């Protein structure tokens, strides 16, 4: 059981608004017509066209993935877990779960990245070690892992910093921080 306090409510609001901002940027429409998941998963947002569960979360980034993974097996679709940071550097951290018949493959420590033309991607956080260098373009269809070279082609270079800064400025505007 969780104690609801102002800090927790603010974290929930940031995670929810960050997830919705990513959905809007990707062109995803949340399907609210029929709940496809049982009660423990009802806070997951279903995006039918992308075969995706969008999961705003304030739990430890890897701590709630077992629950999300059970949801992906039931819904037979991918997952995007979005967690808003609570540190002085405000951003979102994401985990992408690709549903497969024999289990979900996770790509942890992803951050929102915007090209000069505002094309949105999820990229590995340069500050975190990661098992995969896959990047994900946020577009109306399914999330598919791509090679980082595709990202370079989208922005004319390999330096992630300017794109991460653009994404953080976008999120700050969403949250009313700037």
C-alpha atoms as a PDB file:
ATOM      1  CA  UNK A   1       0.000   0.000   0.000  1.00  0.00           C
ATOM      2  CA  UNK A   2       1.302   3.431  -0.936  1.00  0.00           C
ATOM      3  CA  UNK A   3       0.902   6.617   1.016  1.00  0.00           C
ATOM      4  CA  UNK A   4      -0.350   9.313  -1.329  1.00  0.00           C
ATOM      5  CA  UNK A   5       1.360  12.601  -0.743  1.00  0.00           C
ATOM      6  CA  UNK A   6       2.054  15.740  -2.753  1.00  0.00           C
ATOM      7  CA  UNK A   7       5.434  14.477  -3.984  1.00  0.00           C
ATOM      8  CA  UNK A   8       3.973  11.185  -5.217  1.00  0.00           C
ATOM      9  CA  UNK A   9       1.047  12.935  -6.910  1.00  0.00           C
ATOM     10  CA  UNK A  10       3.443  15.300  -8.697  1.00  0.00           C
ATOM     11  CA  UNK A  11       5.572  12.351  -9.857  1.00  0.00           C
ATOM     12  CA  UNK A  12       2.448  10.576 -11.161  1.00  0.00           C
ATOM     13  CA  UNK A  13       1.340  13.720 -12.998  1.00  0.00           C
ATOM     14  CA  UNK A  14       4.762  14.149 -14.628  1.00  0.00           C
ATOM     15  CA  UNK A  15       4.909  10.497 -15.712  1.00  0.00           C
ATOM     16  CA  UNK A  16       1.365  10.662 -17.110  1.00  0.00           C
ATOM     17  CA  UNK A  17       1.872  13.955 -18.951  1.00  0.00           C
ATOM     18  CA  UNK A  18       5.282  12.811 -20.244  1.00  0.00           C
ATOM     19  CA  UNK A  19       3.751   9.583 -21.585  1.00  0.00           C
ATOM     20  CA  UNK A  20       0.875  11.482 -23.209  1.00  0.00           C
ATOM     21  CA  UNK A  21       3.307  13.984 -24.771  1.00  0.00           C
ATOM     22  CA  UNK A  22       5.304  11.093 -26.269  1.00  0.00           C
ATOM     23  CA  UNK A  23       2.071   9.551 -27.587  1.00  0.00           C
ATOM     24  CA  UNK A  24       1.050  12.847 -29.178  1.00  0.00           C
ATOM     25  CA  UNK A  25       4.504  13.381 -30.701  1.00  0.00           C
ATOM     26  CA  UNK A  26       4.396   9.844 -32.178  1.00  0.00           C
ATOM     27  CA  UNK A  27       0.883  10.338 -33.563  1.00  0.00           C
ATOM     28  CA  UNK A  28      -0.601   7.560 -31.410  1.00  0.00           C
ATOM     29  CA  UNK A  29      -4.267   7.489 -30.432  1.00  0.00           C
ATOM     30  CA  UNK A  30      -5.130   5.865 -27.129  1.00  0.00           C
ATOM     31  CA  UNK A  31      -7.871   3.271 -27.493  1.00  0.00           C
ATOM     32  CA  UNK A  32     -10.307   3.776 -24.625  1.00  0.00           C
ATOM     33  CA  UNK A  33     -13.167   1.787 -26.146  1.00  0.00           C
ATOM     34  CA  UNK A  34     -12.644  -1.664 -24.647  1.00  0.00           C
ATOM     35  CA  UNK A  35     -10.396  -2.510 -21.721  1.00  0.00           C
ATOM     36  CA  UNK A  36      -8.262  -5.407 -22.911  1.00  0.00           C
ATOM     37  CA  UNK A  37      -6.514  -6.066 -19.627  1.00  0.00           C
ATOM     38  CA  UNK A  38      -7.748  -7.232 -16.232  1.00  0.00           C
ATOM     39  CA  UNK A  39      -7.782  -5.026 -13.166  1.00  0.00           C
ATOM     40  CA  UNK A  40      -4.084  -4.989 -12.124  1.00  0.00           C
ATOM     41  CA  UNK A  41      -3.200  -3.476 -15.520  1.00  0.00           C
ATOM     42  CA  UNK A  42      -6.000  -0.932 -15.933  1.00  0.00           C
ATOM     43  CA  UNK A  43      -3.673   2.070 -15.649  1.00  0.00           C
ATOM     44  CA  UNK A  44      -1.892   0.931 -18.826  1.00  0.00           C
ATOM     45  CA  UNK A  45      -2.888   2.917 -21.914  1.00  0.00           C
ATOM     46  CA  UNK A  46      -3.613   0.793 -24.988  1.00  0.00           C
ATOM     47  CA  UNK A  47      -2.589   2.059 -28.422  1.00  0.00           C
ATOM     48  CA  UNK A  48      -4.128  -0.483 -30.779  1.00  0.00           C
ATOM     49  CA  UNK A  49      -2.626   0.843 -34.032  1.00  0.00           C
ATOM     50  CA  UNK A  50       0.894   0.579 -32.583  1.00  0.00           C
ATOM     51  CA  UNK A  51       0.178  -2.706 -30.763  1.00  0.00           C
ATOM     52  CA  UNK A  52       1.498  -1.017 -27.644  1.00  0.00           C
ATOM     53  CA  UNK A  53       0.823  -0.637 -23.938  1.00  0.00           C
ATOM     54  CA  UNK A  54       1.905   2.825 -22.792  1.00  0.00           C
ATOM     55  CA  UNK A  55       2.699   2.663 -19.068  1.00  0.00           C
ATOM     56  CA  UNK A  56       3.311   5.837 -17.058  1.00  0.00           C
ATOM     57  CA  UNK A  57       5.214   4.749 -13.953  1.00  0.00           C
ATOM     58  CA  UNK A  58       6.808   6.156 -10.841  1.00  0.00           C
ATOM     59  CA  UNK A  59       8.096   2.833  -9.575  1.00  0.00           C
ATOM     60  CA  UNK A  60      11.787   1.929  -9.811  1.00  0.00           C
ATOM     61  CA  UNK A  61      12.515   1.660 -13.519  1.00  0.00           C
ATOM     62  CA  UNK A  62      13.172  -2.092 -13.482  1.00  0.00           C
ATOM     63  CA  UNK A  63      11.118  -2.966 -10.409  1.00  0.00           C
ATOM     64  CA  UNK A  64       7.713  -2.893 -12.060  1.00  0.00           C
ATOM     65  CA  UNK A  65       8.756  -4.503 -15.336  1.00  0.00           C
ATOM     66  CA  UNK A  66       7.601  -7.950 -14.200  1.00  0.00           C
ATOM     67  CA  UNK A  67       4.050  -6.600 -13.904  1.00  0.00           C
ATOM     68  CA  UNK A  68       4.305  -4.842 -17.269  1.00  0.00           C
ATOM     69  CA  UNK A  69       5.701  -7.997 -18.851  1.00  0.00           C
ATOM     70  CA  UNK A  70       2.690  -9.979 -17.620  1.00  0.00           C
ATOM     71  CA  UNK A  71       0.505  -7.318 -19.262  1.00  0.00           C
ATOM     72  CA  UNK A  72       2.365  -7.672 -22.574  1.00  0.00           C
ATOM     73  CA  UNK A  73       1.795 -11.434 -22.524  1.00  0.00           C
ATOM     74  CA  UNK A  74      -1.926 -11.013 -21.892  1.00  0.00           C
ATOM     75  CA  UNK A  75      -2.365  -8.249 -24.492  1.00  0.00           C
ATOM     76  CA  UNK A  76       0.202  -9.753 -26.902  1.00  0.00           C
ATOM     77  CA  UNK A  77       1.714  -6.389 -27.651  1.00  0.00           C
ATOM     78  CA  UNK A  78       4.797  -4.291 -26.910  1.00  0.00           C
ATOM     79  CA  UNK A  79       5.176  -1.906 -23.970  1.00  0.00           C
ATOM     80  CA  UNK A  80       6.661   1.515 -23.419  1.00  0.00           C
ATOM     81  CA  UNK A  81       7.247   2.316 -19.752  1.00  0.00           C
ATOM     82  CA  UNK A  82       7.684   6.056 -19.153  1.00  0.00           C
ATOM     83  CA  UNK A  83       9.161   7.310 -15.891  1.00  0.00           C
ATOM     84  CA  UNK A  84       9.665  10.999 -15.151  1.00  0.00           C
ATOM     85  CA  UNK A  85      12.889  11.801 -13.331  1.00  0.00           C
ATOM     86  CA  UNK A  86      12.666  13.380  -9.921  1.00  0.00           C
ATOM     87  CA  UNK A  87      16.222  14.707  -9.857  1.00  0.00           C
ATOM     88  CA  UNK A  88      17.243  18.277 -10.640  1.00  0.00           C
ATOM     89  CA  UNK A  89      17.576  17.364 -14.334  1.00  0.00           C
ATOM     90  CA  UNK A  90      13.972  16.786 -15.373  1.00  0.00           C
ATOM     91  CA  UNK A  91      13.427  14.408 -18.239  1.00  0.00           C
ATOM     92  CA  UNK A  92      11.763  11.068 -18.921  1.00  0.00           C
ATOM     93  CA  UNK A  93      13.417   7.686 -18.890  1.00  0.00           C
ATOM     94  CA  UNK A  94      11.825   4.894 -20.883  1.00  0.00           C
ATOM     95  CA  UNK A  95      12.030   1.148 -21.216  1.00  0.00           C
ATOM     96  CA  UNK A  96      10.825  -0.478 -24.423  1.00  0.00           C
ATOM     97  CA  UNK A  97       9.547  -4.035 -24.166  1.00  0.00           C
ATOM     98  CA  UNK A  98       9.203  -5.968 -27.411  1.00  0.00           C
ATOM     99  CA  UNK A  99       6.667  -8.743 -26.979  1.00  0.00           C
ATOM    100  CA  UNK A 100       7.732 -12.058 -28.437  1.00  0.00           C
ATOM    101  CA  UNK A 101       6.145 -15.446 -28.151  1.00  0.00           C
ATOM    102  CA  UNK A 102       8.876 -16.714 -25.809  1.00  0.00           C
ATOM    103  CA  UNK A 103       9.169 -13.602 -23.635  1.00  0.00           C
ATOM    104  CA  UNK A 104       9.566  -9.857 -23.719  1.00  0.00           C
ATOM    105  CA  UNK A 105      12.895  -8.365 -24.826  1.00  0.00           C
ATOM    106  CA  UNK A 106      13.670  -5.153 -22.918  1.00  0.00           C
ATOM    107  CA  UNK A 107      15.645  -2.105 -23.993  1.00  0.00           C
ATOM    108  CA  UNK A 108      16.284  -0.069 -20.843  1.00  0.00           C
ATOM    109  CA  UNK A 109      17.552   3.466 -20.230  1.00  0.00           C
ATOM    110  CA  UNK A 110      16.020   5.191 -23.249  1.00  0.00           C
ATOM    111  CA  UNK A 111      15.503   8.941 -23.463  1.00  0.00           C
ATOM    112  CA  UNK A 112      13.423  11.126 -25.718  1.00  0.00           C
ATOM    113  CA  UNK A 113      15.493  12.737 -28.475  1.00  0.00           C
ATOM    114  CA  UNK A 114      14.309  15.331 -31.027  1.00  0.00           C
ATOM    115  CA  UNK A 115      15.952  16.022 -34.379  1.00  0.00           C
ATOM    116  CA  UNK A 116      16.330  19.543 -35.753  1.00  0.00           C
ATOM    117  CA  UNK A 117      13.073  18.944 -37.628  1.00  0.00           C
ATOM    118  CA  UNK A 118      11.357  17.724 -34.395  1.00  0.00           C
ATOM    119  CA  UNK A 119      11.324  14.068 -35.421  1.00  0.00           C
ATOM    120  CA  UNK A 120      11.090  12.102 -32.167  1.00  0.00           C
ATOM    121  CA  UNK A 121      13.167   9.062 -31.241  1.00  0.00           C
ATOM    122  CA  UNK A 122      14.001   7.029 -28.146  1.00  0.00           C
ATOM    123  CA  UNK A 123      17.761   6.696 -27.785  1.00  0.00           C
ATOM    124  CA  UNK A 124      20.084   5.059 -25.234  1.00  0.00           C
ATOM    125  CA  UNK A 125      20.890   7.419 -22.358  1.00  0.00           C
ATOM    126  CA  UNK A 126      24.578   8.321 -22.786  1.00  0.00           C
ATOM    127  CA  UNK A 127      24.991   8.379 -18.982  1.00  0.00           C
ATOM    128  CA  UNK A 128      23.832   4.776 -18.513  1.00  0.00           C
ATOM    129  CA  UNK A 129      25.448   1.526 -19.641  1.00  0.00           C
ATOM    130  CA  UNK A 130      23.075  -0.459 -21.794  1.00  0.00           C
ATOM    131  CA  UNK A 131      22.944  -3.880 -23.339  1.00  0.00           C
ATOM    132  CA  UNK A 132      21.631  -2.571 -26.647  1.00  0.00           C
ATOM    133  CA  UNK A 133      22.383   0.408 -28.867  1.00  0.00           C
ATOM    134  CA  UNK A 134      19.000   0.202 -30.621  1.00  0.00           C
ATOM    135  CA  UNK A 135      17.090   3.414 -31.264  1.00  0.00           C
ATOM    136  CA  UNK A 136      13.332   3.677 -31.822  1.00  0.00           C
ATOM    137  CA  UNK A 137      11.627   6.184 -34.093  1.00  0.00           C
ATOM    138  CA  UNK A 138       8.368   7.456 -32.627  1.00  0.00           C
ATOM    139  CA  UNK A 139       5.882   7.225 -35.469  1.00  0.00           C
ATOM    140  CA  UNK A 140       2.231   6.142 -35.818  1.00  0.00           C
ATOM    141  CA  UNK A 141       3.106   2.451 -36.274  1.00  0.00           C
ATOM    142  CA  UNK A 142       4.832  -0.083 -34.049  1.00  0.00           C
ATOM    143  CA  UNK A 143       8.097   0.613 -32.284  1.00  0.00           C
ATOM    144  CA  UNK A 144      10.882  -1.196 -34.087  1.00  0.00           C
ATOM    145  CA  UNK A 145      14.538  -1.255 -33.048  1.00  0.00           C
ATOM    146  CA  UNK A 146      16.823   0.450 -35.555  1.00  0.00           C
ATOM    147  CA  UNK A 147      20.541   0.972 -35.840  1.00  0.00           C
ATOM    148  CA  UNK A 148      21.948   4.289 -34.582  1.00  0.00           C
ATOM    149  CA  UNK A 149      23.009   5.107 -38.163  1.00  0.00           C
ATOM    150  CA  UNK A 150      19.323   5.815 -38.907  1.00  0.00           C
ATOM    151  CA  UNK A 151      19.394   8.461 -36.184  1.00  0.00           C
ATOM    152  CA  UNK A 152      22.484  10.090 -37.675  1.00  0.00           C
ATOM    153  CA  UNK A 153      20.735  10.240 -41.034  1.00  0.00           C
ATOM    154  CA  UNK A 154      17.765  11.956 -39.389  1.00  0.00           C
ATOM    155  CA  UNK A 155      19.883  14.757 -37.945  1.00  0.00           C
ATOM    156  CA  UNK A 156      23.149  14.849 -39.873  1.00  0.00           C
ATOM    157  CA  UNK A 157      25.453  13.771 -37.040  1.00  0.00           C
ATOM    158  CA  UNK A 158      26.183  11.389 -34.191  1.00  0.00           C
ATOM    159  CA  UNK A 159      26.180  13.804 -31.242  1.00  0.00           C
ATOM    160  CA  UNK A 160      23.143  13.018 -29.059  1.00  0.00           C
ATOM    161  CA  UNK A 161      23.453  16.048 -26.770  1.00  0.00           C
ATOM    162  CA  UNK A 162      21.636  18.675 -28.904  1.00  0.00           C
ATOM    163  CA  UNK A 163      18.706  16.310 -29.539  1.00  0.00           C
ATOM    164  CA  UNK A 164      18.441  15.412 -25.851  1.00  0.00           C
ATOM    165  CA  UNK A 165      18.468  19.124 -24.973  1.00  0.00           C
ATOM    166  CA  UNK A 166      15.677  19.815 -27.490  1.00  0.00           C
ATOM    167  CA  UNK A 167      13.643  16.944 -25.994  1.00  0.00           C
ATOM    168  CA  UNK A 168      14.186  18.194 -22.438  1.00  0.00           C
ATOM    169  CA  UNK A 169      13.078  21.700 -23.487  1.00  0.00           C
ATOM    170  CA  UNK A 170       9.951  20.172 -25.061  1.00  0.00           C
ATOM    171  CA  UNK A 171       9.191  18.277 -21.833  1.00  0.00           C
ATOM    172  CA  UNK A 172       9.827  21.388 -19.724  1.00  0.00           C
ATOM    173  CA  UNK A 173       7.195  23.194 -21.819  1.00  0.00           C
ATOM    174  CA  UNK A 174       4.782  20.275 -21.343  1.00  0.00           C
ATOM    175  CA  UNK A 175       5.330  20.434 -17.572  1.00  0.00           C
ATOM    176  CA  UNK A 176       5.193  24.233 -17.408  1.00  0.00           C
ATOM    177  CA  UNK A 177       8.798  24.490 -16.179  1.00  0.00           C
ATOM    178  CA  UNK A 178       9.869  27.039 -18.802  1.00  0.00           C
END
